[in-house]
Amino acid sequence: MNDVPEIVKQAVQRMIATIGVHGKFKIFLNDGTEYGDLPVAIDKPVKRHRVNKGIVDYVRPFLLNTKAGEVAVIPSTPQFPSTAVSATATAKASQMWGNGSYQSMTNRANGNIELLRLS
């Protein structure tokens, strides 16, 4: 931890004397010292999803020319397994056509993703 200079500690003590009269507060110093009794929620780290950028380029051509009432059949490959193709296809379909404008399923017999455009 970083050491906090004495002048900073004195300034914090003066602020506490002023702020403490007016309400709850919380002060964190670089050395880990905490002052005050205001409850502070800890932010959870944002989980970053690793997306294979090539899969979007693989899925997009199957969806581009699909019209309402047509079915886009997107084959899975060893490089792009059916779960990844399904997730990417449905995300791209929602982005292109809107939520609720398609229905999708995985054909378990051959591993293809079948996506029916409804509107």
PDB file of N, CA and C in Angstrom:
ATOM      1  N   MET A   1       0.845  -1.182   0.000  1.00  0.00           N
ATOM      2  CA  MET A   1       0.000   0.000   0.000  1.00  0.00           C
ATOM      3  C   MET A   1       0.888   1.242   0.000  1.00  0.00           C
ATOM      4  N   ASN A   2       0.315   2.320  -0.489  1.00  0.00           N
ATOM      5  CA  ASN A   2       1.032   3.591  -0.503  1.00  0.00           C
ATOM      6  C   ASN A   2       0.918   4.245   0.863  1.00  0.00           C
ATOM      7  N   ASP A   3       2.019   4.853   1.289  1.00  0.00           N
ATOM      8  CA  ASP A   3       1.974   5.606   2.535  1.00  0.00           C
ATOM      9  C   ASP A   3       1.307   6.950   2.272  1.00  0.00           C
ATOM     10  N   VAL A   4       0.495   7.385   3.215  1.00  0.00           N
ATOM     11  CA  VAL A   4      -0.205   8.653   3.085  1.00  0.00           C
ATOM     12  C   VAL A   4       0.567   9.699   3.901  1.00  0.00           C
ATOM     13  N   PRO A   5       0.939  10.831   3.280  1.00  0.00           N
ATOM     14  CA  PRO A   5       1.657  11.876   4.018  1.00  0.00           C
ATOM     15  C   PRO A   5       0.837  12.391   5.200  1.00  0.00           C
ATOM     16  N   GLU A   6       1.524  12.830   6.207  1.00  0.00           N
ATOM     17  CA  GLU A   6       0.876  13.322   7.427  1.00  0.00           C
ATOM     18  C   GLU A   6      -0.045  14.500   7.146  1.00  0.00           C
ATOM     19  N   ILE A   7       0.320  15.348   6.204  1.00  0.00           N
ATOM     20  CA  ILE A   7      -0.518  16.518   5.892  1.00  0.00           C
ATOM     21  C   ILE A   7      -1.873  16.083   5.330  1.00  0.00           C
ATOM     22  N   VAL A   8      -1.878  14.987   4.577  1.00  0.00           N
ATOM     23  CA  VAL A   8      -3.137  14.467   4.029  1.00  0.00           C
ATOM     24  C   VAL A   8      -4.000  13.916   5.165  1.00  0.00           C
ATOM     25  N   LYS A   9      -3.372  13.209   6.093  1.00  0.00           N
ATOM     26  CA  LYS A   9      -4.133  12.676   7.226  1.00  0.00           C
ATOM     27  C   LYS A   9      -4.764  13.799   8.041  1.00  0.00           C
ATOM     28  N   GLN A  10      -4.019  14.900   8.242  1.00  0.00           N
ATOM     29  CA  GLN A  10      -4.558  16.040   8.984  1.00  0.00           C
ATOM     30  C   GLN A  10      -5.711  16.693   8.226  1.00  0.00           C
ATOM     31  N   ALA A  11      -5.565  16.793   6.906  1.00  0.00           N
ATOM     32  CA  ALA A  11      -6.634  17.390   6.097  1.00  0.00           C
ATOM     33  C   ALA A  11      -7.896  16.524   6.168  1.00  0.00           C
ATOM     34  N   VAL A  12      -7.707  15.215   6.142  1.00  0.00           N
ATOM     35  CA  VAL A  12      -8.849  14.304   6.239  1.00  0.00           C
ATOM     36  C   VAL A  12      -9.540  14.474   7.585  1.00  0.00           C
ATOM     37  N   GLN A  13      -8.766  14.593   8.652  1.00  0.00           N
ATOM     38  CA  GLN A  13      -9.356  14.779   9.983  1.00  0.00           C
ATOM     39  C   GLN A  13     -10.174  16.067  10.041  1.00  0.00           C
ATOM     40  N   ARG A  14      -9.689  17.146   9.396  1.00  0.00           N
ATOM     41  CA  ARG A  14     -10.458  18.400   9.368  1.00  0.00           C
ATOM     42  C   ARG A  14     -11.743  18.229   8.563  1.00  0.00           C
ATOM     43  N   MET A  15     -11.658  17.503   7.442  1.00  0.00           N
ATOM     44  CA  MET A  15     -12.866  17.268   6.632  1.00  0.00           C
ATOM     45  C   MET A  15     -13.882  16.441   7.414  1.00  0.00           C
ATOM     46  N   ILE A  16     -13.388  15.449   8.134  1.00  0.00           N
ATOM     47  CA  ILE A  16     -14.284  14.597   8.915  1.00  0.00           C
ATOM     48  C   ILE A  16     -15.014  15.430   9.958  1.00  0.00           C
ATOM     49  N   ALA A  17     -14.311  16.356  10.597  1.00  0.00           N
ATOM     50  CA  ALA A  17     -14.938  17.208  11.613  1.00  0.00           C
ATOM     51  C   ALA A  17     -16.045  18.053  10.993  1.00  0.00           C
ATOM     52  N   THR A  18     -15.853  18.486   9.735  1.00  0.00           N
ATOM     53  CA  THR A  18     -16.858  19.312   9.062  1.00  0.00           C
ATOM     54  C   THR A  18     -17.987  18.464   8.487  1.00  0.00           C
ATOM     55  N   ILE A  19     -17.642  17.412   7.772  1.00  0.00           N
ATOM     56  CA  ILE A  19     -18.638  16.594   7.093  1.00  0.00           C
ATOM     57  C   ILE A  19     -19.462  15.786   8.078  1.00  0.00           C
ATOM     58  N   GLY A  20     -18.826  15.273   9.116  1.00  0.00           N
ATOM     59  CA  GLY A  20     -19.485  14.398  10.068  1.00  0.00           C
ATOM     60  C   GLY A  20     -20.693  15.029  10.730  1.00  0.00           C
ATOM     61  N   VAL A  21     -20.709  16.329  10.847  1.00  0.00           N
ATOM     62  CA  VAL A  21     -21.837  17.026  11.455  1.00  0.00           C
ATOM     63  C   VAL A  21     -23.035  17.018  10.518  1.00  0.00           C
ATOM     64  N   HIS A  22     -22.795  16.960   9.201  1.00  0.00           N
ATOM     65  CA  HIS A  22     -23.859  17.122   8.211  1.00  0.00           C
ATOM     66  C   HIS A  22     -24.417  15.822   7.651  1.00  0.00           C
ATOM     67  N   GLY A  23     -23.833  14.699   7.934  1.00  0.00           N
ATOM     68  CA  GLY A  23     -24.389  13.457   7.415  1.00  0.00           C
ATOM     69  C   GLY A  23     -23.364  12.338   7.354  1.00  0.00           C
ATOM     70  N   LYS A  24     -23.768  11.272   6.710  1.00  0.00           N
ATOM     71  CA  LYS A  24     -22.894  10.103   6.577  1.00  0.00           C
ATOM     72  C   LYS A  24     -21.899  10.325   5.449  1.00  0.00           C
ATOM     73  N   PHE A  25     -20.754   9.671   5.548  1.00  0.00           N
ATOM     74  CA  PHE A  25     -19.714   9.795   4.538  1.00  0.00           C
ATOM     75  C   PHE A  25     -18.819   8.577   4.590  1.00  0.00           C
ATOM     76  N   LYS A  26     -17.969   8.441   3.581  1.00  0.00           N
ATOM     77  CA  LYS A  26     -16.971   7.380   3.551  1.00  0.00           C
ATOM     78  C   LYS A  26     -15.765   7.936   2.806  1.00  0.00           C
ATOM     79  N   ILE A  27     -14.579   7.816   3.390  1.00  0.00           N
ATOM     80  CA  ILE A  27     -13.328   8.274   2.781  1.00  0.00           C
ATOM     81  C   ILE A  27     -12.366   7.100   2.780  1.00  0.00           C
ATOM     82  N   PHE A  28     -11.749   6.861   1.633  1.00  0.00           N
ATOM     83  CA  PHE A  28     -10.741   5.811   1.485  1.00  0.00           C
ATOM     84  C   PHE A  28      -9.407   6.478   1.184  1.00  0.00           C
ATOM     85  N   LEU A  29      -8.383   6.106   1.922  1.00  0.00           N
ATOM     86  CA  LEU A  29      -7.035   6.600   1.645  1.00  0.00           C
ATOM     87  C   LEU A  29      -6.246   5.531   0.897  1.00  0.00           C
ATOM     88  N   ASN A  30      -5.157   5.950   0.259  1.00  0.00           N
ATOM     89  CA  ASN A  30      -4.336   5.031  -0.533  1.00  0.00           C
ATOM     90  C   ASN A  30      -3.759   3.881   0.284  1.00  0.00           C
ATOM     91  N   ASP A  31      -3.562   4.097   1.573  1.00  0.00           N
ATOM     92  CA  ASP A  31      -2.973   3.035   2.400  1.00  0.00           C
ATOM     93  C   ASP A  31      -4.019   2.039   2.911  1.00  0.00           C
ATOM     94  N   GLY A  32      -5.291   2.211   2.476  1.00  0.00           N
ATOM     95  CA  GLY A  32      -6.341   1.289   2.868  1.00  0.00           C
ATOM     96  C   GLY A  32      -7.150   1.756   4.060  1.00  0.00           C
ATOM     97  N   THR A  33      -6.799   2.862   4.650  1.00  0.00           N
ATOM     98  CA  THR A  33      -7.531   3.395   5.791  1.00  0.00           C
ATOM     99  C   THR A  33      -8.896   3.904   5.340  1.00  0.00           C
ATOM    100  N   GLU A  34      -9.921   3.584   6.119  1.00  0.00           N
ATOM    101  CA  GLU A  34     -11.279   4.027   5.812  1.00  0.00           C
ATOM    102  C   GLU A  34     -11.798   4.865   6.963  1.00  0.00           C
ATOM    103  N   TYR A  35     -12.523   5.934   6.629  1.00  0.00           N
ATOM    104  CA  TYR A  35     -13.163   6.786   7.613  1.00  0.00           C
ATOM    105  C   TYR A  35     -14.635   6.904   7.264  1.00  0.00           C
ATOM    106  N   GLY A  36     -15.480   6.990   8.264  1.00  0.00           N
ATOM    107  CA  GLY A  36     -16.907   7.190   8.048  1.00  0.00           C
ATOM    108  C   GLY A  36     -17.684   5.894   8.101  1.00  0.00           C
ATOM    109  N   ASP A  37     -19.030   6.047   8.117  1.00  0.00           N
ATOM    110  CA  ASP A  37     -19.890   4.880   8.265  1.00  0.00           C
ATOM    111  C   ASP A  37     -20.927   4.756   7.149  1.00  0.00           C
ATOM    112  N   LEU A  38     -20.721   5.444   6.025  1.00  0.00           N
ATOM    113  CA  LEU A  38     -21.632   5.317   4.902  1.00  0.00           C
ATOM    114  C   LEU A  38     -21.421   3.962   4.237  1.00  0.00           C
ATOM    115  N   PRO A  39     -22.481   3.156   4.091  1.00  0.00           N
ATOM    116  CA  PRO A  39     -22.312   1.868   3.426  1.00  0.00           C
ATOM    117  C   PRO A  39     -21.994   2.090   1.935  1.00  0.00           C
ATOM    118  N   VAL A  40     -20.981   1.387   1.454  1.00  0.00           N
ATOM    119  CA  VAL A  40     -20.555   1.528   0.065  1.00  0.00           C
ATOM    120  C   VAL A  40     -20.637   0.163  -0.600  1.00  0.00           C
ATOM    121  N   ALA A  41     -21.357   0.099  -1.740  1.00  0.00           N
ATOM    122  CA  ALA A  41     -21.470  -1.148  -2.483  1.00  0.00           C
ATOM    123  C   ALA A  41     -20.180  -1.375  -3.267  1.00  0.00           C
ATOM    124  N   ILE A  42     -19.718  -2.587  -3.252  1.00  0.00           N
ATOM    125  CA  ILE A  42     -18.523  -2.955  -3.996  1.00  0.00           C
ATOM    126  C   ILE A  42     -18.936  -3.296  -5.422  1.00  0.00           C
ATOM    127  N   ASP A  43     -18.321  -2.651  -6.397  1.00  0.00           N
ATOM    128  CA  ASP A  43     -18.613  -2.943  -7.799  1.00  0.00           C
ATOM    129  C   ASP A  43     -18.030  -4.298  -8.169  1.00  0.00           C
ATOM    130  N   LYS A  44     -18.859  -5.098  -8.839  1.00  0.00           N
ATOM    131  CA  LYS A  44     -18.376  -6.379  -9.325  1.00  0.00           C
ATOM    132  C   LYS A  44     -17.603  -6.137 -10.612  1.00  0.00           C
ATOM    133  N   PRO A  45     -16.532  -6.860 -10.824  1.00  0.00           N
ATOM    134  CA  PRO A  45     -15.817  -6.684 -12.082  1.00  0.00           C
ATOM    135  C   PRO A  45     -16.685  -7.137 -13.253  1.00  0.00           C
ATOM    136  N   VAL A  46     -16.588  -6.405 -14.335  1.00  0.00           N
ATOM    137  CA  VAL A  46     -17.370  -6.731 -15.527  1.00  0.00           C
ATOM    138  C   VAL A  46     -16.726  -7.920 -16.219  1.00  0.00           C
ATOM    139  N   LYS A  47     -17.542  -8.925 -16.480  1.00  0.00           N
ATOM    140  CA  LYS A  47     -17.034 -10.109 -17.148  1.00  0.00           C
ATOM    141  C   LYS A  47     -17.014  -9.845 -18.648  1.00  0.00           C
ATOM    142  N   ARG A  48     -15.854  -9.942 -19.220  1.00  0.00           N
ATOM    143  CA  ARG A  48     -15.710  -9.730 -20.659  1.00  0.00           C
ATOM    144  C   ARG A  48     -15.869 -11.061 -21.382  1.00  0.00           C
ATOM    145  N   HIS A  49     -16.732 -11.061 -22.372  1.00  0.00           N
ATOM    146  CA  HIS A  49     -16.944 -12.265 -23.150  1.00  0.00           C
ATOM    147  C   HIS A  49     -15.932 -12.319 -24.277  1.00  0.00           C
ATOM    148  N   ARG A  50     -15.367 -13.462 -24.465  1.00  0.00           N
ATOM    149  CA  ARG A  50     -14.432 -13.644 -25.562  1.00  0.00           C
ATOM    150  C   ARG A  50     -15.230 -14.100 -26.774  1.00  0.00           C
ATOM    151  N   VAL A  51     -15.237 -13.278 -27.795  1.00  0.00           N
ATOM    152  CA  VAL A  51     -15.983 -13.589 -29.000  1.00  0.00           C
ATOM    153  C   VAL A  51     -15.001 -13.894 -30.113  1.00  0.00           C
ATOM    154  N   ASN A  52     -15.234 -15.009 -30.784  1.00  0.00           N
ATOM    155  CA  ASN A  52     -14.445 -15.346 -31.949  1.00  0.00           C
ATOM    156  C   ASN A  52     -14.964 -14.472 -33.080  1.00  0.00           C
ATOM    157  N   LYS A  53     -14.204 -13.452 -33.472  1.00  0.00           N
ATOM    158  CA  LYS A  53     -14.674 -12.478 -34.456  1.00  0.00           C
ATOM    159  C   LYS A  53     -15.023 -13.132 -35.789  1.00  0.00           C
ATOM    160  N   GLY A  54     -14.384 -14.224 -36.131  1.00  0.00           N
ATOM    161  CA  GLY A  54     -14.652 -14.883 -37.391  1.00  0.00           C
ATOM    162  C   GLY A  54     -16.037 -15.489 -37.469  1.00  0.00           C
ATOM    163  N   ILE A  55     -16.638 -15.808 -36.331  1.00  0.00           N
ATOM    164  CA  ILE A  55     -17.944 -16.461 -36.341  1.00  0.00           C
ATOM    165  C   ILE A  55     -19.035 -15.520 -36.840  1.00  0.00           C
ATOM    166  N   VAL A  56     -18.914 -14.232 -36.545  1.00  0.00           N
ATOM    167  CA  VAL A  56     -19.899 -13.266 -37.036  1.00  0.00           C
ATOM    168  C   VAL A  56     -19.828 -13.201 -38.562  1.00  0.00           C
ATOM    169  N   ASP A  57     -18.617 -13.165 -39.091  1.00  0.00           N
ATOM    170  CA  ASP A  57     -18.446 -13.154 -40.548  1.00  0.00           C
ATOM    171  C   ASP A  57     -18.942 -14.454 -41.178  1.00  0.00           C
ATOM    172  N   TYR A  58     -18.876 -15.548 -40.442  1.00  0.00           N
ATOM    173  CA  TYR A  58     -19.377 -16.834 -40.932  1.00  0.00           C
ATOM    174  C   TYR A  58     -20.906 -16.859 -40.966  1.00  0.00           C
ATOM    175  N   VAL A  59     -21.547 -16.311 -39.932  1.00  0.00           N
ATOM    176  CA  VAL A  59     -23.001 -16.393 -39.787  1.00  0.00           C
ATOM    177  C   VAL A  59     -23.731 -15.353 -40.649  1.00  0.00           C
ATOM    178  N   ARG A  60     -23.185 -14.154 -40.750  1.00  0.00           N
ATOM    179  CA  ARG A  60     -23.873 -13.042 -41.414  1.00  0.00           C
ATOM    180  C   ARG A  60     -24.397 -13.381 -42.820  1.00  0.00           C
ATOM    181  N   PRO A  61     -23.626 -13.992 -43.719  1.00  0.00           N
ATOM    182  CA  PRO A  61     -24.141 -14.252 -45.071  1.00  0.00           C
ATOM    183  C   PRO A  61     -25.386 -15.141 -45.098  1.00  0.00           C
ATOM    184  N   PHE A  62     -25.534 -16.029 -44.129  1.00  0.00           N
ATOM    185  CA  PHE A  62     -26.717 -16.890 -44.085  1.00  0.00           C
ATOM    186  C   PHE A  62     -27.975 -16.085 -43.756  1.00  0.00           C
ATOM    187  N   LEU A  63     -27.814 -14.986 -43.027  1.00  0.00           N
ATOM    188  CA  LEU A  63     -28.963 -14.200 -42.575  1.00  0.00           C
ATOM    189  C   LEU A  63     -29.288 -13.021 -43.487  1.00  0.00           C
ATOM    190  N   LEU A  64     -28.322 -12.531 -44.233  1.00  0.00           N
ATOM    191  CA  LEU A  64     -28.506 -11.294 -44.996  1.00  0.00           C
ATOM    192  C   LEU A  64     -29.680 -11.348 -45.970  1.00  0.00           C
ATOM    193  N   ASN A  65     -29.819 -12.404 -46.710  1.00  0.00           N
ATOM    194  CA  ASN A  65     -30.854 -12.471 -47.739  1.00  0.00           C
ATOM    195  C   ASN A  65     -32.076 -13.278 -47.319  1.00  0.00           C
ATOM    196  N   THR A  66     -32.182 -13.578 -46.021  1.00  0.00           N
ATOM    197  CA  THR A  66     -33.336 -14.337 -45.536  1.00  0.00           C
ATOM    198  C   THR A  66     -34.534 -13.409 -45.421  1.00  0.00           C
ATOM    199  N   LYS A  67     -35.626 -13.768 -46.084  1.00  0.00           N
ATOM    200  CA  LYS A  67     -36.847 -12.966 -46.062  1.00  0.00           C
ATOM    201  C   LYS A  67     -37.852 -13.605 -45.099  1.00  0.00           C
ATOM    202  N   ALA A  68     -38.900 -12.857 -44.755  1.00  0.00           N
ATOM    203  CA  ALA A  68     -39.934 -13.355 -43.850  1.00  0.00           C
ATOM    204  C   ALA A  68     -40.520 -14.654 -44.398  1.00  0.00           C
ATOM    205  N   GLY A  69     -40.625 -15.654 -43.551  1.00  0.00           N
ATOM    206  CA  GLY A  69     -41.162 -16.947 -43.926  1.00  0.00           C
ATOM    207  C   GLY A  69     -40.102 -17.927 -44.418  1.00  0.00           C
ATOM    208  N   GLU A  70     -38.878 -17.477 -44.585  1.00  0.00           N
ATOM    209  CA  GLU A  70     -37.800 -18.351 -45.043  1.00  0.00           C
ATOM    210  C   GLU A  70     -36.987 -18.864 -43.859  1.00  0.00           C
ATOM    211  N   VAL A  71     -36.317 -19.976 -44.090  1.00  0.00           N
ATOM    212  CA  VAL A  71     -35.482 -20.589 -43.060  1.00  0.00           C
ATOM    213  C   VAL A  71     -34.023 -20.480 -43.483  1.00  0.00           C
ATOM    214  N   ALA A  72     -33.199 -19.958 -42.601  1.00  0.00           N
ATOM    215  CA  ALA A  72     -31.752 -19.946 -42.828  1.00  0.00           C
ATOM    216  C   ALA A  72     -31.175 -21.161 -42.110  1.00  0.00           C
ATOM    217  N   VAL A  73     -30.452 -21.994 -42.831  1.00  0.00           N
ATOM    218  CA  VAL A  73     -29.813 -23.174 -42.244  1.00  0.00           C
ATOM    219  C   VAL A  73     -28.320 -22.878 -42.171  1.00  0.00           C
ATOM    220  N   ILE A  74     -27.804 -22.844 -40.949  1.00  0.00           N
ATOM    221  CA  ILE A  74     -26.402 -22.503 -40.726  1.00  0.00           C
ATOM    222  C   ILE A  74     -25.700 -23.735 -40.178  1.00  0.00           C
ATOM    223  N   PRO A  75     -24.818 -24.346 -40.968  1.00  0.00           N
ATOM    224  CA  PRO A  75     -24.132 -25.545 -40.494  1.00  0.00           C
ATOM    225  C   PRO A  75     -23.074 -25.209 -39.445  1.00  0.00           C
ATOM    226  N   SER A  76     -22.946 -26.083 -38.451  1.00  0.00           N
ATOM    227  CA  SER A  76     -21.853 -25.935 -37.486  1.00  0.00           C
ATOM    228  C   SER A  76     -20.623 -26.611 -38.086  1.00  0.00           C
ATOM    229  N   THR A  77     -19.464 -26.197 -37.631  1.00  0.00           N
ATOM    230  CA  THR A  77     -18.198 -26.747 -38.128  1.00  0.00           C
ATOM    231  C   THR A  77     -17.322 -27.075 -36.927  1.00  0.00           C
ATOM    232  N   PRO A  78     -16.236 -27.778 -37.116  1.00  0.00           N
ATOM    233  CA  PRO A  78     -15.325 -28.000 -35.990  1.00  0.00           C
ATOM    234  C   PRO A  78     -14.786 -26.687 -35.417  1.00  0.00           C
ATOM    235  N   GLN A  79     -14.604 -25.695 -36.288  1.00  0.00           N
ATOM    236  CA  GLN A  79     -14.108 -24.396 -35.820  1.00  0.00           C
ATOM    237  C   GLN A  79     -15.190 -23.620 -35.078  1.00  0.00           C
ATOM    238  N   PHE A  80     -16.439 -23.755 -35.546  1.00  0.00           N
ATOM    239  CA  PHE A  80     -17.563 -23.047 -34.947  1.00  0.00           C
ATOM    240  C   PHE A  80     -18.615 -24.065 -34.517  1.00  0.00           C
ATOM    241  N   PRO A  81     -18.595 -24.503 -33.233  1.00  0.00           N
ATOM    242  CA  PRO A  81     -19.559 -25.499 -32.756  1.00  0.00           C
ATOM    243  C   PRO A  81     -20.983 -24.930 -32.721  1.00  0.00           C
ATOM    244  N   SER A  82     -21.950 -25.824 -32.651  1.00  0.00           N
ATOM    245  CA  SER A  82     -23.356 -25.422 -32.757  1.00  0.00           C
ATOM    246  C   SER A  82     -23.777 -24.430 -31.676  1.00  0.00           C
ATOM    247  N   THR A  83     -23.258 -24.555 -30.451  1.00  0.00           N
ATOM    248  CA  THR A  83     -23.656 -23.608 -29.399  1.00  0.00           C
ATOM    249  C   THR A  83     -23.188 -22.195 -29.734  1.00  0.00           C
ATOM    250  N   ALA A  84     -21.980 -22.063 -30.265  1.00  0.00           N
ATOM    251  CA  ALA A  84     -21.464 -20.748 -30.630  1.00  0.00           C
ATOM    252  C   ALA A  84     -22.194 -20.191 -31.847  1.00  0.00           C
ATOM    253  N   VAL A  85     -22.477 -21.044 -32.816  1.00  0.00           N
ATOM    254  CA  VAL A  85     -23.204 -20.604 -34.011  1.00  0.00           C
ATOM    255  C   VAL A  85     -24.609 -20.157 -33.622  1.00  0.00           C
ATOM    256  N   SER A  86     -25.277 -20.910 -32.755  1.00  0.00           N
ATOM    257  CA  SER A  86     -26.621 -20.564 -32.318  1.00  0.00           C
ATOM    258  C   SER A  86     -26.637 -19.218 -31.596  1.00  0.00           C
ATOM    259  N   ALA A  87     -25.716 -19.027 -30.668  1.00  0.00           N
ATOM    260  CA  ALA A  87     -25.669 -17.769 -29.913  1.00  0.00           C
ATOM    261  C   ALA A  87     -25.400 -16.591 -30.844  1.00  0.00           C
ATOM    262  N   THR A  88     -24.481 -16.762 -31.767  1.00  0.00           N
ATOM    263  CA  THR A  88     -24.142 -15.682 -32.685  1.00  0.00           C
ATOM    264  C   THR A  88     -25.284 -15.406 -33.655  1.00  0.00           C
ATOM    265  N   ALA A  89     -25.903 -16.453 -34.176  1.00  0.00           N
ATOM    266  CA  ALA A  89     -26.995 -16.284 -35.134  1.00  0.00           C
ATOM    267  C   ALA A  89     -28.188 -15.577 -34.499  1.00  0.00           C
ATOM    268  N   THR A  90     -28.545 -15.952 -33.286  1.00  0.00           N
ATOM    269  CA  THR A  90     -29.699 -15.315 -32.649  1.00  0.00           C
ATOM    270  C   THR A  90     -29.386 -13.863 -32.270  1.00  0.00           C
ATOM    271  N   ALA A  91     -28.158 -13.609 -31.831  1.00  0.00           N
ATOM    272  CA  ALA A  91     -27.778 -12.225 -31.514  1.00  0.00           C
ATOM    273  C   ALA A  91     -27.805 -11.370 -32.775  1.00  0.00           C
ATOM    274  N   LYS A  92     -27.273 -11.897 -33.858  1.00  0.00           N
ATOM    275  CA  LYS A  92     -27.240 -11.153 -35.121  1.00  0.00           C
ATOM    276  C   LYS A  92     -28.647 -10.966 -35.666  1.00  0.00           C
ATOM    277  N   ALA A  93     -29.501 -11.993 -35.558  1.00  0.00           N
ATOM    278  CA  ALA A  93     -30.883 -11.872 -36.026  1.00  0.00           C
ATOM    279  C   ALA A  93     -31.642 -10.818 -35.226  1.00  0.00           C
ATOM    280  N   SER A  94     -31.443 -10.774 -33.923  1.00  0.00           N
ATOM    281  CA  SER A  94     -32.087  -9.749 -33.095  1.00  0.00           C
ATOM    282  C   SER A  94     -31.608  -8.364 -33.500  1.00  0.00           C
ATOM    283  N   GLN A  95     -30.332  -8.256 -33.764  1.00  0.00           N
ATOM    284  CA  GLN A  95     -29.765  -6.968 -34.167  1.00  0.00           C
ATOM    285  C   GLN A  95     -30.305  -6.534 -35.533  1.00  0.00           C
ATOM    286  N   MET A  96     -30.412  -7.467 -36.460  1.00  0.00           N
ATOM    287  CA  MET A  96     -30.835  -7.133 -37.818  1.00  0.00           C
ATOM    288  C   MET A  96     -32.350  -6.938 -37.936  1.00  0.00           C
ATOM    289  N   TRP A  97     -33.143  -7.805 -37.298  1.00  0.00           N
ATOM    290  CA  TRP A  97     -34.585  -7.829 -37.519  1.00  0.00           C
ATOM    291  C   TRP A  97     -35.391  -7.443 -36.286  1.00  0.00           C
ATOM    292  N   GLY A  98     -34.796  -7.461 -35.111  1.00  0.00           N
ATOM    293  CA  GLY A  98     -35.504  -7.145 -33.875  1.00  0.00           C
ATOM    294  C   GLY A  98     -35.866  -8.391 -33.093  1.00  0.00           C
ATOM    295  N   ASN A  99     -36.037  -8.219 -31.789  1.00  0.00           N
ATOM    296  CA  ASN A  99     -36.407  -9.341 -30.921  1.00  0.00           C
ATOM    297  C   ASN A  99     -37.793  -9.849 -31.294  1.00  0.00           C
ATOM    298  N   GLY A 100     -37.970 -11.164 -31.249  1.00  0.00           N
ATOM    299  CA  GLY A 100     -39.271 -11.768 -31.521  1.00  0.00           C
ATOM    300  C   GLY A 100     -39.593 -11.916 -32.993  1.00  0.00           C
ATOM    301  N   SER A 101     -38.645 -11.576 -33.864  1.00  0.00           N
ATOM    302  CA  SER A 101     -38.923 -11.647 -35.298  1.00  0.00           C
ATOM    303  C   SER A 101     -38.385 -12.922 -35.939  1.00  0.00           C
ATOM    304  N   TYR A 102     -37.954 -13.851 -35.121  1.00  0.00           N
ATOM    305  CA  TYR A 102     -37.415 -15.107 -35.640  1.00  0.00           C
ATOM    306  C   TYR A 102     -37.609 -16.200 -34.602  1.00  0.00           C
ATOM    307  N   GLN A 103     -37.450 -17.432 -35.049  1.00  0.00           N
ATOM    308  CA  GLN A 103     -37.476 -18.593 -34.154  1.00  0.00           C
ATOM    309  C   GLN A 103     -36.313 -19.470 -34.568  1.00  0.00           C
ATOM    310  N   SER A 104     -35.590 -19.996 -33.593  1.00  0.00           N
ATOM    311  CA  SER A 104     -34.414 -20.797 -33.937  1.00  0.00           C
ATOM    312  C   SER A 104     -34.424 -22.119 -33.186  1.00  0.00           C
ATOM    313  N   MET A 105     -33.691 -23.067 -33.741  1.00  0.00           N
ATOM    314  CA  MET A 105     -33.528 -24.368 -33.089  1.00  0.00           C
ATOM    315  C   MET A 105     -32.252 -25.011 -33.610  1.00  0.00           C
ATOM    316  N   THR A 106     -31.728 -25.939 -32.830  1.00  0.00           N
ATOM    317  CA  THR A 106     -30.582 -26.732 -33.256  1.00  0.00           C
ATOM    318  C   THR A 106     -31.091 -28.092 -33.694  1.00  0.00           C
ATOM    319  N   ASN A 107     -30.816 -28.459 -34.923  1.00  0.00           N
ATOM    320  CA  ASN A 107     -31.187 -29.776 -35.445  1.00  0.00           C
ATOM    321  C   ASN A 107     -30.173 -30.767 -34.876  1.00  0.00           C
ATOM    322  N   ARG A 108     -30.581 -31.546 -33.915  1.00  0.00           N
ATOM    323  CA  ARG A 108     -29.658 -32.450 -33.232  1.00  0.00           C
ATOM    324  C   ARG A 108     -29.151 -33.575 -34.135  1.00  0.00           C
ATOM    325  N   ALA A 109     -29.876 -33.862 -35.184  1.00  0.00           N
ATOM    326  CA  ALA A 109     -29.456 -34.944 -36.083  1.00  0.00           C
ATOM    327  C   ALA A 109     -28.176 -34.573 -36.846  1.00  0.00           C
ATOM    328  N   ASN A 110     -28.074 -33.303 -37.268  1.00  0.00           N
ATOM    329  CA  ASN A 110     -26.899 -32.922 -38.051  1.00  0.00           C
ATOM    330  C   ASN A 110     -26.112 -31.757 -37.462  1.00  0.00           C
ATOM    331  N   GLY A 111     -26.592 -31.172 -36.366  1.00  0.00           N
ATOM    332  CA  GLY A 111     -25.870 -30.072 -35.706  1.00  0.00           C
ATOM    333  C   GLY A 111     -26.071 -28.723 -36.346  1.00  0.00           C
ATOM    334  N   ASN A 112     -26.926 -28.645 -37.380  1.00  0.00           N
ATOM    335  CA  ASN A 112     -27.183 -27.359 -38.030  1.00  0.00           C
ATOM    336  C   ASN A 112     -28.099 -26.489 -37.182  1.00  0.00           C
ATOM    337  N   ILE A 113     -27.957 -25.179 -37.325  1.00  0.00           N
ATOM    338  CA  ILE A 113     -28.844 -24.223 -36.683  1.00  0.00           C
ATOM    339  C   ILE A 113     -29.870 -23.814 -37.730  1.00  0.00           C
ATOM    340  N   GLU A 114     -31.146 -23.932 -37.396  1.00  0.00           N
ATOM    341  CA  GLU A 114     -32.209 -23.541 -38.300  1.00  0.00           C
ATOM    342  C   GLU A 114     -32.899 -22.325 -37.709  1.00  0.00           C
ATOM    343  N   LEU A 115     -32.969 -21.263 -38.492  1.00  0.00           N
ATOM    344  CA  LEU A 115     -33.524 -20.008 -38.012  1.00  0.00           C
ATOM    345  C   LEU A 115     -34.626 -19.552 -38.962  1.00  0.00           C
ATOM    346  N   LEU A 116     -35.865 -19.520 -38.473  1.00  0.00           N
ATOM    347  CA  LEU A 116     -37.023 -19.118 -39.260  1.00  0.00           C
ATOM    348  C   LEU A 116     -37.294 -17.640 -39.014  1.00  0.00           C
ATOM    349  N   ARG A 117     -37.272 -16.851 -40.085  1.00  0.00           N
ATOM    350  CA  ARG A 117     -37.589 -15.435 -39.948  1.00  0.00           C
ATOM    351  C   ARG A 117     -39.101 -15.267 -39.996  1.00  0.00           C
ATOM    352  N   LEU A 118     -39.677 -14.680 -38.947  1.00  0.00           N
ATOM    353  CA  LEU A 118     -41.126 -14.543 -38.853  1.00  0.00           C
ATOM    354  C   LEU A 118     -41.632 -13.243 -39.469  1.00  0.00           C
ATOM    355  N   SER A 119     -40.874 -12.181 -39.355  1.00  0.00           N
ATOM    356  CA  SER A 119     -41.323 -10.894 -39.925  1.00  0.00           C
ATOM    357  C   SER A 119     -40.155 -10.138 -40.479  1.00  0.00           C
TER     358      SER A 119
END
